[in-house]
């Protein structure tokens, strides 16, 4: 089973807003880094991935119908 590619139109308005917020928080943490690369962003990345997976599942389900 292939995973469908996601476009901006595949996300709901709420998901787009949440992704934008997560990207901004990741950027803020990146700026706060002192150059060592030791800033942990795994929690934000997991949330980002979870939103993408929800959109991907929704797209797959809509294809089956």
C-alpha atoms as a PDB file:
ATOM      1  CA  UNK A   1       0.000   0.000   0.000  1.00  0.00           C
ATOM      2  CA  UNK A   2       1.449   3.353  -1.004  1.00  0.00           C
ATOM      3  CA  UNK A   3       1.116   6.405   1.161  1.00  0.00           C
ATOM      4  CA  UNK A   4      -0.526   9.330  -0.586  1.00  0.00           C
ATOM      5  CA  UNK A   5       1.374  12.573  -0.963  1.00  0.00           C
ATOM      6  CA  UNK A   6      -0.135  15.424   1.000  1.00  0.00           C
ATOM      7  CA  UNK A   7      -0.973  18.840  -0.417  1.00  0.00           C
ATOM      8  CA  UNK A   8      -2.055  21.926   1.481  1.00  0.00           C
ATOM      9  CA  UNK A   9      -5.655  21.170   0.500  1.00  0.00           C
ATOM     10  CA  UNK A  10      -5.489  17.818   2.337  1.00  0.00           C
ATOM     11  CA  UNK A  11      -5.271  19.511   5.736  1.00  0.00           C
ATOM     12  CA  UNK A  12      -8.159  21.034   7.628  1.00  0.00           C
ATOM     13  CA  UNK A  13      -7.956  24.681   8.697  1.00  0.00           C
ATOM     14  CA  UNK A  14      -7.295  23.597  12.272  1.00  0.00           C
ATOM     15  CA  UNK A  15      -4.487  21.272  11.203  1.00  0.00           C
ATOM     16  CA  UNK A  16      -2.887  24.030   9.138  1.00  0.00           C
ATOM     17  CA  UNK A  17      -2.995  26.351  12.140  1.00  0.00           C
ATOM     18  CA  UNK A  18      -1.514  23.721  14.451  1.00  0.00           C
ATOM     19  CA  UNK A  19       1.256  22.891  11.965  1.00  0.00           C
ATOM     20  CA  UNK A  20       2.084  26.579  11.596  1.00  0.00           C
ATOM     21  CA  UNK A  21       2.298  26.955  15.362  1.00  0.00           C
ATOM     22  CA  UNK A  22       4.526  23.890  15.680  1.00  0.00           C
ATOM     23  CA  UNK A  23       6.855  25.152  12.933  1.00  0.00           C
ATOM     24  CA  UNK A  24       7.107  28.514  14.708  1.00  0.00           C
ATOM     25  CA  UNK A  25       7.900  26.802  18.017  1.00  0.00           C
ATOM     26  CA  UNK A  26      10.564  24.661  16.315  1.00  0.00           C
ATOM     27  CA  UNK A  27      12.114  27.792  14.810  1.00  0.00           C
ATOM     28  CA  UNK A  28      12.073  29.532  18.189  1.00  0.00           C
ATOM     29  CA  UNK A  29      13.865  26.597  19.793  1.00  0.00           C
ATOM     30  CA  UNK A  30      16.352  26.548  16.942  1.00  0.00           C
ATOM     31  CA  UNK A  31      17.134  30.224  17.493  1.00  0.00           C
ATOM     32  CA  UNK A  32      17.552  29.592  21.218  1.00  0.00           C
ATOM     33  CA  UNK A  33      20.219  26.969  20.449  1.00  0.00           C
ATOM     34  CA  UNK A  34      23.700  28.032  21.481  1.00  0.00           C
ATOM     35  CA  UNK A  35      25.290  26.427  18.409  1.00  0.00           C
ATOM     36  CA  UNK A  36      25.770  22.980  19.889  1.00  0.00           C
ATOM     37  CA  UNK A  37      22.665  21.430  18.356  1.00  0.00           C
ATOM     38  CA  UNK A  38      21.574  20.078  21.724  1.00  0.00           C
ATOM     39  CA  UNK A  39      18.049  21.499  21.568  1.00  0.00           C
ATOM     40  CA  UNK A  40      15.530  18.680  21.848  1.00  0.00           C
ATOM     41  CA  UNK A  41      12.630  19.071  19.430  1.00  0.00           C
ATOM     42  CA  UNK A  42      11.420  15.465  19.417  1.00  0.00           C
ATOM     43  CA  UNK A  43       8.198  16.342  21.228  1.00  0.00           C
ATOM     44  CA  UNK A  44       7.260  18.933  18.613  1.00  0.00           C
ATOM     45  CA  UNK A  45       8.289  16.610  15.773  1.00  0.00           C
ATOM     46  CA  UNK A  46       6.060  13.829  17.147  1.00  0.00           C
ATOM     47  CA  UNK A  47       3.094  16.210  17.263  1.00  0.00           C
ATOM     48  CA  UNK A  48       3.852  17.346  13.707  1.00  0.00           C
ATOM     49  CA  UNK A  49       4.079  13.745  12.488  1.00  0.00           C
ATOM     50  CA  UNK A  50       0.834  12.826  14.247  1.00  0.00           C
ATOM     51  CA  UNK A  51      -1.052  15.613  12.442  1.00  0.00           C
ATOM     52  CA  UNK A  52       0.418  14.525   9.106  1.00  0.00           C
ATOM     53  CA  UNK A  53      -0.555  10.917   9.744  1.00  0.00           C
ATOM     54  CA  UNK A  54      -4.145  11.946  10.528  1.00  0.00           C
ATOM     55  CA  UNK A  55      -4.374  13.844   7.248  1.00  0.00           C
ATOM     56  CA  UNK A  56      -2.809  10.937   5.362  1.00  0.00           C
ATOM     57  CA  UNK A  57      -5.311   8.458   6.835  1.00  0.00           C
ATOM     58  CA  UNK A  58      -8.197  10.750   5.990  1.00  0.00           C
ATOM     59  CA  UNK A  59      -6.968  11.051   2.403  1.00  0.00           C
ATOM     60  CA  UNK A  60      -6.618   7.265   2.084  1.00  0.00           C
ATOM     61  CA  UNK A  61     -10.142   6.738   3.425  1.00  0.00           C
ATOM     62  CA  UNK A  62     -11.568   9.266   0.995  1.00  0.00           C
ATOM     63  CA  UNK A  63      -9.875   7.440  -1.896  1.00  0.00           C
ATOM     64  CA  UNK A  64     -11.535   4.156  -0.948  1.00  0.00           C
ATOM     65  CA  UNK A  65     -15.014   5.644  -1.103  1.00  0.00           C
END
